[in-house]
Amino acid sequence: MQNSASDLSVPPVALIRIPQILKVMPVSKSKFWLMVQKGEFPKPIKIGRSSFWTVEQVQEFIKNKASKSVSKKLEL
């Protein structure tokens, strides 16, 4: 018997890697890692030597940056 997605009690989580993140964030790879080191971007989930982030982490980061940008424009 196979388990279907509806049988799982844990919701599915999509993991993405740096190349996918950099397609939606216009920064260099070195700038991205600097943001991670400074705590500006969430730390990765490590699986072996590979680094992953959840789609939700990336989306939340972009939403926060966008809302801060909009609020700064409204203050001007």
Protein backbone atom coordinates (compact mmCIF):
# COMPACT_ATOMS: atom_id res chain seq x y z
CA MET A 1 0.00 0.00 0.00
CA GLN A 2 1.37 3.40 -0.96
CA ASN A 3 1.06 6.51 1.17
CA SER A 4 -0.54 9.42 -0.59
CA ALA A 5 0.06 13.05 0.34
CA SER A 6 -3.37 13.18 1.99
CA ASP A 7 -2.40 10.28 4.31
CA LEU A 8 0.52 12.19 5.82
CA SER A 9 -0.08 14.01 9.08
CA VAL A 10 2.84 16.36 8.40
CA PRO A 11 2.33 18.92 5.64
CA PRO A 12 4.79 18.66 2.74
CA VAL A 13 7.70 21.09 2.79
CA ALA A 14 9.45 22.22 -0.37
CA LEU A 15 13.19 22.74 -0.04
CA ILE A 16 15.15 24.90 -2.44
CA ARG A 17 18.84 25.56 -2.98
CA ILE A 18 20.86 28.70 -3.68
CA PRO A 19 20.55 28.71 -7.51
CA GLN A 20 16.75 28.71 -7.20
CA ILE A 21 16.82 31.45 -4.56
CA LEU A 22 19.12 33.66 -6.63
CA LYS A 23 16.64 33.50 -9.52
CA VAL A 24 14.13 35.46 -7.40
CA MET A 25 16.62 37.58 -5.42
CA PRO A 26 18.89 39.86 -7.45
CA VAL A 27 22.05 39.42 -5.36
CA SER A 28 25.32 37.61 -5.95
CA LYS A 29 26.09 34.30 -4.30
CA SER A 30 28.72 35.93 -2.06
CA LYS A 31 26.30 38.69 -1.01
CA PHE A 32 23.70 36.02 -0.24
CA TRP A 33 26.08 34.14 2.07
CA LEU A 34 27.07 37.42 3.73
CA MET A 35 23.37 38.06 4.45
CA VAL A 36 23.12 34.58 6.01
CA GLN A 37 26.22 35.21 8.16
CA LYS A 38 24.87 38.58 9.35
CA GLY A 39 21.52 37.00 10.26
CA GLU A 40 19.64 39.01 7.64
CA PHE A 41 18.56 35.80 5.91
CA PRO A 42 17.62 32.53 7.69
CA LYS A 43 20.31 29.94 8.29
CA PRO A 44 20.13 26.93 5.97
CA ILE A 45 18.88 23.47 6.69
CA LYS A 46 21.94 21.26 6.23
CA ILE A 47 21.54 17.81 4.71
CA GLY A 48 24.98 16.34 4.36
CA ARG A 49 27.12 19.06 2.83
CA SER A 50 24.19 20.65 0.99
CA SER A 51 22.29 23.74 2.15
CA PHE A 52 18.56 24.12 1.74
CA TRP A 53 15.86 26.63 2.67
CA THR A 54 12.12 26.19 2.71
CA VAL A 55 10.08 28.03 0.12
CA GLU A 56 8.22 29.66 3.01
CA GLN A 57 11.47 31.08 4.47
CA VAL A 58 12.36 32.69 1.15
CA GLN A 59 8.86 34.03 0.56
CA GLU A 60 8.70 35.50 4.07
CA PHE A 61 12.09 37.19 3.61
CA ILE A 62 10.97 38.77 0.32
CA LYS A 63 7.63 39.89 1.82
CA ASN A 64 9.41 41.51 4.77
CA LYS A 65 11.86 43.33 2.50
CA ALA A 66 9.03 44.51 0.25
CA SER A 67 6.92 45.77 3.16
CA LYS A 68 9.91 47.65 4.65
CA SER A 69 10.56 49.23 1.25
CA VAL A 70 6.92 50.33 0.93
CA SER A 71 6.82 51.75 4.47
CA LYS A 72 10.00 53.75 3.82
CA LYS A 73 8.44 55.24 0.67
CA LEU A 74 5.29 56.16 2.60
CA GLU A 75 7.38 58.01 5.22
CA LEU A 76 8.93 60.27 2.57
